[in-house]
Protein backbone atom coordinates (compact mmCIF):
# COMPACT_ATOMS: atom_id res chain seq x y z
CA UNK A 1 -177.58 -71.97 0.55
CA UNK A 2 -175.17 -69.29 0.59
CA UNK A 3 -174.73 -66.96 3.10
CA UNK A 4 -172.18 -63.96 3.47
CA UNK A 5 -171.98 -62.13 6.24
CA UNK A 6 -170.15 -58.44 6.24
CA UNK A 7 -170.27 -55.58 8.43
CA UNK A 8 -170.38 -52.64 6.83
CA UNK A 9 -170.93 -48.66 7.52
CA UNK A 10 -174.73 -48.79 7.39
CA UNK A 11 -174.58 -50.64 10.59
CA UNK A 12 -172.11 -48.74 12.39
CA UNK A 13 -172.65 -45.50 11.50
CA UNK A 14 -176.08 -43.16 13.52
CA UNK A 15 -178.98 -43.38 11.23
CA UNK A 16 -179.11 -39.38 10.73
CA UNK A 17 -175.42 -39.84 9.09
CA UNK A 18 -176.70 -43.01 7.14
CA UNK A 19 -179.88 -40.73 5.55
CA UNK A 20 -177.89 -37.49 4.56
CA UNK A 21 -175.01 -38.62 2.58
CA UNK A 22 -173.74 -35.42 2.12
CA UNK A 23 -172.94 -34.54 5.54
CA UNK A 24 -169.45 -33.65 6.21
CA UNK A 25 -169.48 -36.37 9.11
CA UNK A 26 -169.30 -39.17 5.88
CA UNK A 27 -166.19 -38.82 4.02
CA UNK A 28 -167.51 -38.91 0.87
CA UNK A 29 -164.95 -41.73 0.02
CA UNK A 30 -166.52 -43.79 2.37
CA UNK A 31 -169.76 -43.67 0.35
CA UNK A 32 -167.73 -45.03 -2.81
CA UNK A 33 -165.87 -47.71 -0.81
CA UNK A 34 -168.89 -48.99 0.62
CA UNK A 35 -170.45 -49.60 -2.85
CA UNK A 36 -167.82 -51.23 -3.72
CA UNK A 37 -167.03 -53.77 -0.88
CA UNK A 38 -168.98 -56.75 -1.63
CA UNK A 39 -167.85 -56.64 -4.93
CA UNK A 40 -164.34 -56.58 -3.93
CA UNK A 41 -164.83 -59.25 -1.77
CA UNK A 42 -167.36 -61.79 -3.28
CA UNK A 43 -167.95 -60.54 -7.01
CA UNK A 44 -167.11 -61.76 -10.06
CA UNK A 45 -164.91 -59.64 -11.94
CA UNK A 46 -164.79 -59.69 -16.26
CA UNK A 47 -161.97 -58.58 -17.99
CA UNK A 48 -162.26 -56.70 -21.56
CA UNK A 49 -159.03 -57.21 -22.83
CA UNK A 50 -157.84 -55.26 -26.10
CA UNK A 51 -158.08 -57.56 -29.61
CA UNK A 52 -158.61 -57.74 -32.69
CA UNK A 53 -162.26 -58.40 -34.19
CA UNK A 54 -160.79 -61.66 -35.72
CA UNK A 55 -159.50 -62.90 -32.10
CA UNK A 56 -163.30 -61.55 -30.19
CA UNK A 57 -165.02 -63.70 -32.93
CA UNK A 58 -162.76 -66.88 -32.76
CA UNK A 59 -163.21 -66.64 -28.82
CA UNK A 60 -167.36 -66.28 -29.45
CA UNK A 61 -166.82 -69.71 -31.80
CA UNK A 62 -165.03 -71.36 -28.91
CA UNK A 63 -167.60 -70.93 -26.69
CA UNK A 64 -170.26 -71.15 -28.55
CA UNK A 65 -168.55 -74.73 -29.82
CA UNK A 66 -167.80 -75.40 -26.31
CA UNK A 67 -171.20 -75.06 -25.17
CA UNK A 68 -172.78 -76.46 -28.39
CA UNK A 69 -174.94 -73.22 -29.52
CA UNK A 70 -177.95 -73.71 -31.63
CA UNK A 71 -176.81 -70.76 -33.69
CA UNK A 72 -175.39 -70.46 -37.27
CA UNK A 73 -171.63 -68.39 -37.17
CA UNK A 74 -173.37 -65.61 -39.56
CA UNK A 75 -176.45 -64.85 -36.50
CA UNK A 76 -173.94 -65.67 -33.96
CA UNK A 77 -171.05 -63.33 -35.26
CA UNK A 78 -173.92 -60.40 -35.81
CA UNK A 79 -174.93 -60.69 -32.53
CA UNK A 80 -171.43 -60.84 -31.19
CA UNK A 81 -170.49 -57.56 -32.44
CA UNK A 82 -173.67 -55.99 -31.57
CA UNK A 83 -173.08 -56.87 -28.22
CA UNK A 84 -169.65 -55.74 -28.23
CA UNK A 85 -170.52 -52.18 -29.21
CA UNK A 86 -173.40 -51.61 -27.18
């Protein structure tokens, strides 16, 4: 079991302030900060770096080989390129 404990704005503000996000009593940036606070502390960050299509497909092949994926290269590449563009 993994348990995370955190204090965040919803536990610190009166209920009437929480219900009205547009209230002038709440700084708008605090609402954004709250949404990413758990991600910042405990989240998984994925980096998408610029690379050529050839390099991208080489990385895909490496993962497929490592995890012994049962897909042919042509199908694997087609699905990888579709995923990358969507």
